[in-house]
Amino acid sequence: MDFADLLPFGIGLALLAMGVAIVVAIVKRNDMSQPCDDPKKLFRELCRAHGLDFASRRLLYRLATAHQLAQPAEVFLTPAMFQADQLPPQLRAQAGQLQRLRQRLF
């Protein structure tokens, strides 16, 4: 056998290994059974516990970022952040959605 004959198998094996590594990384990132000190993971876990969809999660994360919170999960502890007069200018257009989220969370 020549090297050129084995090249497609080597490339296939490398792609398979990369795919497995990506899946393992995603599973490890979303493994909520392991304790860790990751603010974003806590935020994802709280969103999952409240049954929030992707759009709601994204809006809450934008709210936390706009308020410059070190821990994005703080939005689950501070209902005053959701009030229309407390909203940053870039989120005022979503005031209705944020009020619905506030009703759901608190």
N, C-alpha and C. Protein backbone atom coordinates (compact mmCIF):
# COMPACT_ATOMS: atom_id res chain seq x y z
N MET A 1 0.84 -1.18 0.00
CA MET A 1 0.00 0.00 0.00
C MET A 1 0.88 1.24 0.00
N ASP A 2 0.39 2.21 -0.66
CA ASP A 2 1.09 3.49 -0.76
C ASP A 2 0.50 4.48 0.23
N PHE A 3 1.26 5.51 0.56
CA PHE A 3 0.77 6.55 1.48
C PHE A 3 -0.50 7.22 0.94
N ALA A 4 -0.57 7.43 -0.34
CA ALA A 4 -1.74 8.07 -0.95
C ALA A 4 -3.00 7.23 -0.76
N ASP A 5 -2.84 5.92 -0.65
CA ASP A 5 -3.99 5.04 -0.43
C ASP A 5 -4.53 5.19 0.99
N LEU A 6 -3.65 5.47 1.96
CA LEU A 6 -4.06 5.59 3.35
C LEU A 6 -4.51 7.00 3.73
N LEU A 7 -4.21 7.97 2.89
CA LEU A 7 -4.54 9.36 3.19
C LEU A 7 -6.04 9.58 3.43
N PRO A 8 -6.95 9.09 2.62
CA PRO A 8 -8.39 9.29 2.90
C PRO A 8 -8.83 8.70 4.23
N PHE A 9 -8.27 7.56 4.59
CA PHE A 9 -8.61 6.95 5.88
C PHE A 9 -8.08 7.79 7.04
N GLY A 10 -6.88 8.32 6.88
CA GLY A 10 -6.30 9.18 7.92
C GLY A 10 -7.11 10.46 8.10
N ILE A 11 -7.53 11.04 6.99
CA ILE A 11 -8.34 12.26 7.06
C ILE A 11 -9.69 11.95 7.71
N GLY A 12 -10.28 10.85 7.33
CA GLY A 12 -11.56 10.44 7.93
C GLY A 12 -11.45 10.21 9.42
N LEU A 13 -10.37 9.55 9.82
CA LEU A 13 -10.14 9.28 11.23
C LEU A 13 -9.91 10.58 12.01
N ALA A 14 -9.19 11.53 11.43
CA ALA A 14 -8.95 12.82 12.07
C ALA A 14 -10.26 13.60 12.22
N LEU A 15 -11.10 13.57 11.20
CA LEU A 15 -12.40 14.26 11.28
C LEU A 15 -13.29 13.62 12.33
N LEU A 16 -13.26 12.30 12.42
CA LEU A 16 -14.05 11.60 13.43
C LEU A 16 -13.57 11.97 14.84
N ALA A 17 -12.25 12.02 15.03
CA ALA A 17 -11.70 12.39 16.33
C ALA A 17 -12.07 13.82 16.70
N MET A 18 -12.05 14.73 15.74
CA MET A 18 -12.45 16.12 16.00
C MET A 18 -13.92 16.19 16.37
N GLY A 19 -14.75 15.44 15.69
CA GLY A 19 -16.18 15.42 16.00
C GLY A 19 -16.45 14.91 17.41
N VAL A 20 -15.77 13.85 17.79
CA VAL A 20 -15.93 13.29 19.14
C VAL A 20 -15.46 14.31 20.18
N ALA A 21 -14.34 14.99 19.91
CA ALA A 21 -13.82 15.99 20.85
C ALA A 21 -14.81 17.14 21.03
N ILE A 22 -15.45 17.56 19.97
CA ILE A 22 -16.44 18.65 20.04
C ILE A 22 -17.65 18.21 20.86
N VAL A 23 -18.14 17.00 20.61
CA VAL A 23 -19.29 16.49 21.37
C VAL A 23 -18.96 16.38 22.85
N VAL A 24 -17.78 15.87 23.17
CA VAL A 24 -17.37 15.74 24.58
C VAL A 24 -17.28 17.11 25.23
N ALA A 25 -16.75 18.11 24.53
CA ALA A 25 -16.63 19.47 25.08
C ALA A 25 -18.01 20.07 25.35
N ILE A 26 -18.96 19.85 24.45
CA ILE A 26 -20.31 20.39 24.63
C ILE A 26 -21.00 19.70 25.80
N VAL A 27 -20.86 18.40 25.90
CA VAL A 27 -21.48 17.67 27.01
C VAL A 27 -20.88 18.11 28.34
N LYS A 28 -19.57 18.26 28.37
CA LYS A 28 -18.91 18.70 29.61
C LYS A 28 -19.34 20.11 29.98
N ARG A 29 -19.50 20.99 29.00
CA ARG A 29 -19.91 22.37 29.24
C ARG A 29 -21.31 22.42 29.85
N ASN A 30 -22.17 21.54 29.43
CA ASN A 30 -23.56 21.54 29.88
C ASN A 30 -23.83 20.55 31.01
N ASP A 31 -22.80 19.92 31.55
CA ASP A 31 -22.98 18.96 32.64
C ASP A 31 -23.25 19.71 33.93
N MET A 32 -24.50 19.72 34.36
CA MET A 32 -24.89 20.46 35.56
C MET A 32 -24.67 19.67 36.84
N SER A 33 -24.24 18.42 36.74
CA SER A 33 -24.05 17.62 37.94
C SER A 33 -22.69 17.88 38.59
N GLN A 34 -21.77 18.47 37.85
CA GLN A 34 -20.45 18.76 38.38
C GLN A 34 -20.38 20.17 38.96
N PRO A 35 -19.99 20.31 40.22
CA PRO A 35 -19.86 21.66 40.78
C PRO A 35 -18.68 22.40 40.15
N CYS A 36 -18.87 23.70 39.94
CA CYS A 36 -17.80 24.51 39.38
C CYS A 36 -18.05 25.97 39.72
N ASP A 37 -17.11 26.81 39.38
CA ASP A 37 -17.23 28.23 39.63
C ASP A 37 -17.29 28.95 38.28
N ASP A 38 -18.42 28.81 37.61
CA ASP A 38 -18.59 29.39 36.29
C ASP A 38 -19.89 30.19 36.26
N PRO A 39 -19.81 31.53 36.24
CA PRO A 39 -21.02 32.35 36.25
C PRO A 39 -21.96 32.07 35.07
N LYS A 40 -21.40 31.83 33.90
CA LYS A 40 -22.26 31.57 32.73
C LYS A 40 -22.99 30.24 32.87
N LYS A 41 -22.34 29.26 33.48
CA LYS A 41 -22.99 27.96 33.68
C LYS A 41 -24.13 28.09 34.69
N LEU A 42 -23.92 28.87 35.74
CA LEU A 42 -25.00 29.12 36.71
C LEU A 42 -26.17 29.79 36.03
N PHE A 43 -25.90 30.76 35.17
CA PHE A 43 -26.96 31.44 34.43
C PHE A 43 -27.72 30.44 33.56
N ARG A 44 -27.01 29.58 32.84
CA ARG A 44 -27.67 28.57 31.99
C ARG A 44 -28.52 27.62 32.83
N GLU A 45 -28.00 27.24 34.00
CA GLU A 45 -28.73 26.31 34.86
C GLU A 45 -30.01 26.97 35.39
N LEU A 46 -29.94 28.23 35.77
CA LEU A 46 -31.15 28.92 36.25
C LEU A 46 -32.16 29.10 35.12
N CYS A 47 -31.68 29.39 33.93
CA CYS A 47 -32.59 29.51 32.78
C CYS A 47 -33.28 28.17 32.51
N ARG A 48 -32.53 27.09 32.60
CA ARG A 48 -33.09 25.76 32.38
C ARG A 48 -34.11 25.43 33.47
N ALA A 49 -33.80 25.79 34.72
CA ALA A 49 -34.71 25.50 35.84
C ALA A 49 -36.02 26.26 35.69
N HIS A 50 -35.97 27.43 35.09
CA HIS A 50 -37.20 28.22 34.89
C HIS A 50 -37.88 27.90 33.55
N GLY A 51 -37.29 27.01 32.77
CA GLY A 51 -37.89 26.60 31.50
C GLY A 51 -37.92 27.69 30.46
N LEU A 52 -36.88 28.53 30.42
CA LEU A 52 -36.85 29.64 29.47
C LEU A 52 -36.38 29.18 28.10
N ASP A 53 -36.98 29.75 27.07
CA ASP A 53 -36.56 29.43 25.71
C ASP A 53 -35.31 30.25 25.35
N PHE A 54 -34.77 29.99 24.17
CA PHE A 54 -33.52 30.62 23.76
C PHE A 54 -33.65 32.14 23.69
N ALA A 55 -34.77 32.64 23.15
CA ALA A 55 -34.94 34.08 23.02
C ALA A 55 -34.99 34.75 24.40
N SER A 56 -35.65 34.13 25.34
CA SER A 56 -35.71 34.68 26.70
C SER A 56 -34.35 34.66 27.36
N ARG A 57 -33.62 33.58 27.17
CA ARG A 57 -32.27 33.49 27.73
C ARG A 57 -31.38 34.59 27.17
N ARG A 58 -31.47 34.78 25.90
CA ARG A 58 -30.64 35.79 25.24
C ARG A 58 -31.01 37.19 25.74
N LEU A 59 -32.29 37.46 25.89
CA LEU A 59 -32.73 38.76 26.37
C LEU A 59 -32.26 39.00 27.81
N LEU A 60 -32.37 37.99 28.66
CA LEU A 60 -31.90 38.12 30.04
C LEU A 60 -30.39 38.35 30.08
N TYR A 61 -29.66 37.66 29.23
CA TYR A 61 -28.21 37.84 29.20
C TYR A 61 -27.86 39.26 28.73
N ARG A 62 -28.61 39.75 27.75
CA ARG A 62 -28.40 41.14 27.30
C ARG A 62 -28.70 42.13 28.41
N LEU A 63 -29.73 41.84 29.21
CA LEU A 63 -30.06 42.70 30.35
C LEU A 63 -28.92 42.70 31.36
N ALA A 64 -28.37 41.53 31.66
CA ALA A 64 -27.25 41.44 32.60
C ALA A 64 -26.03 42.17 32.06
N THR A 65 -25.78 42.04 30.78
CA THR A 65 -24.63 42.71 30.17
C THR A 65 -24.82 44.22 30.17
N ALA A 66 -26.03 44.68 29.88
CA ALA A 66 -26.31 46.11 29.85
C ALA A 66 -26.14 46.74 31.23
N HIS A 67 -26.48 45.99 32.27
CA HIS A 67 -26.31 46.48 33.64
C HIS A 67 -24.90 46.22 34.17
N GLN A 68 -24.04 45.66 33.33
CA GLN A 68 -22.64 45.38 33.65
C GLN A 68 -22.50 44.54 34.93
N LEU A 69 -23.28 43.47 34.98
CA LEU A 69 -23.22 42.58 36.13
C LEU A 69 -22.06 41.60 35.98
N ALA A 70 -21.32 41.41 37.06
CA ALA A 70 -20.22 40.44 37.03
C ALA A 70 -20.76 39.03 36.95
N GLN A 71 -21.91 38.80 37.59
CA GLN A 71 -22.58 37.50 37.58
C GLN A 71 -23.91 37.66 36.83
N PRO A 72 -24.03 37.11 35.63
CA PRO A 72 -25.28 37.25 34.88
C PRO A 72 -26.49 36.70 35.63
N ALA A 73 -26.28 35.77 36.55
CA ALA A 73 -27.40 35.17 37.29
C ALA A 73 -28.05 36.16 38.25
N GLU A 74 -27.43 37.31 38.48
CA GLU A 74 -28.02 38.31 39.36
C GLU A 74 -29.37 38.83 38.86
N VAL A 75 -29.64 38.68 37.56
CA VAL A 75 -30.94 39.13 37.05
C VAL A 75 -32.08 38.32 37.66
N PHE A 76 -31.77 37.12 38.17
CA PHE A 76 -32.78 36.30 38.82
C PHE A 76 -33.04 36.74 40.25
N LEU A 77 -32.25 37.67 40.76
CA LEU A 77 -32.37 38.13 42.14
C LEU A 77 -32.86 39.56 42.28
N THR A 78 -32.89 40.30 41.18
CA THR A 78 -33.19 41.73 41.24
C THR A 78 -34.35 42.07 40.32
N PRO A 79 -35.57 42.04 40.82
CA PRO A 79 -36.71 42.36 39.95
C PRO A 79 -36.73 43.82 39.50
N ALA A 80 -36.06 44.70 40.22
CA ALA A 80 -36.05 46.12 39.84
C ALA A 80 -35.37 46.36 38.50
N MET A 81 -34.48 45.47 38.09
CA MET A 81 -33.79 45.62 36.80
C MET A 81 -34.76 45.57 35.63
N PHE A 82 -35.91 44.96 35.83
CA PHE A 82 -36.87 44.75 34.75
C PHE A 82 -37.80 45.93 34.55
N GLN A 83 -37.82 46.89 35.47
CA GLN A 83 -38.72 48.03 35.37
C GLN A 83 -38.33 48.90 34.18
N ALA A 84 -39.34 49.41 33.49
CA ALA A 84 -39.11 50.16 32.26
C ALA A 84 -38.22 51.38 32.49
N ASP A 85 -38.36 52.04 33.62
CA ASP A 85 -37.54 53.23 33.86
C ASP A 85 -36.10 52.89 34.23
N GLN A 86 -35.82 51.64 34.57
CA GLN A 86 -34.47 51.20 34.92
C GLN A 86 -33.74 50.57 33.73
N LEU A 87 -34.45 50.39 32.63
CA LEU A 87 -33.85 49.71 31.47
C LEU A 87 -32.86 50.62 30.75
N PRO A 88 -31.75 50.04 30.30
CA PRO A 88 -30.82 50.80 29.46
C PRO A 88 -31.49 51.13 28.13
N PRO A 89 -31.05 52.19 27.48
CA PRO A 89 -31.69 52.62 26.22
C PRO A 89 -31.77 51.53 25.15
N GLN A 90 -30.76 50.69 25.07
CA GLN A 90 -30.76 49.67 24.02
C GLN A 90 -31.78 48.56 24.26
N LEU A 91 -32.36 48.49 25.46
CA LEU A 91 -33.34 47.44 25.76
C LEU A 91 -34.76 48.00 25.95
N ARG A 92 -34.95 49.26 25.78
CA ARG A 92 -36.29 49.84 26.01
C ARG A 92 -37.32 49.34 25.00
N ALA A 93 -36.87 48.96 23.83
CA ALA A 93 -37.80 48.42 22.82
C ALA A 93 -38.35 47.07 23.25
N GLN A 94 -37.63 46.35 24.10
CA GLN A 94 -38.06 45.04 24.58
C GLN A 94 -38.69 45.12 25.97
N ALA A 95 -39.17 46.28 26.37
CA ALA A 95 -39.73 46.46 27.71
C ALA A 95 -40.90 45.51 27.95
N GLY A 96 -41.75 45.29 26.97
CA GLY A 96 -42.89 44.39 27.12
C GLY A 96 -42.45 42.95 27.37
N GLN A 97 -41.48 42.50 26.60
CA GLN A 97 -40.96 41.14 26.79
C GLN A 97 -40.31 40.99 28.16
N LEU A 98 -39.59 42.02 28.57
CA LEU A 98 -38.93 41.95 29.88
C LEU A 98 -39.96 41.94 31.02
N GLN A 99 -41.07 42.66 30.85
CA GLN A 99 -42.11 42.64 31.88
C GLN A 99 -42.75 41.26 31.98
N ARG A 100 -42.95 40.61 30.83
CA ARG A 100 -43.49 39.25 30.85
C ARG A 100 -42.51 38.29 31.54
N LEU A 101 -41.23 38.47 31.26
CA LEU A 101 -40.22 37.64 31.92
C LEU A 101 -40.21 37.91 33.42
N ARG A 102 -40.36 39.16 33.80
CA ARG A 102 -40.40 39.50 35.23
C ARG A 102 -41.57 38.81 35.92
N GLN A 103 -42.73 38.83 35.28
CA GLN A 103 -43.91 38.15 35.84
C GLN A 103 -43.66 36.65 35.98
N ARG A 104 -42.99 36.09 35.02
CA ARG A 104 -42.73 34.65 35.04
C ARG A 104 -41.70 34.27 36.10
N LEU A 105 -40.69 35.09 36.28
CA LEU A 105 -39.61 34.77 37.21
C LEU A 105 -39.92 35.13 38.65
N PHE A 106 -40.67 36.21 38.84
CA PHE A 106 -40.92 36.67 40.21
C PHE A 106 -42.39 36.56 40.51
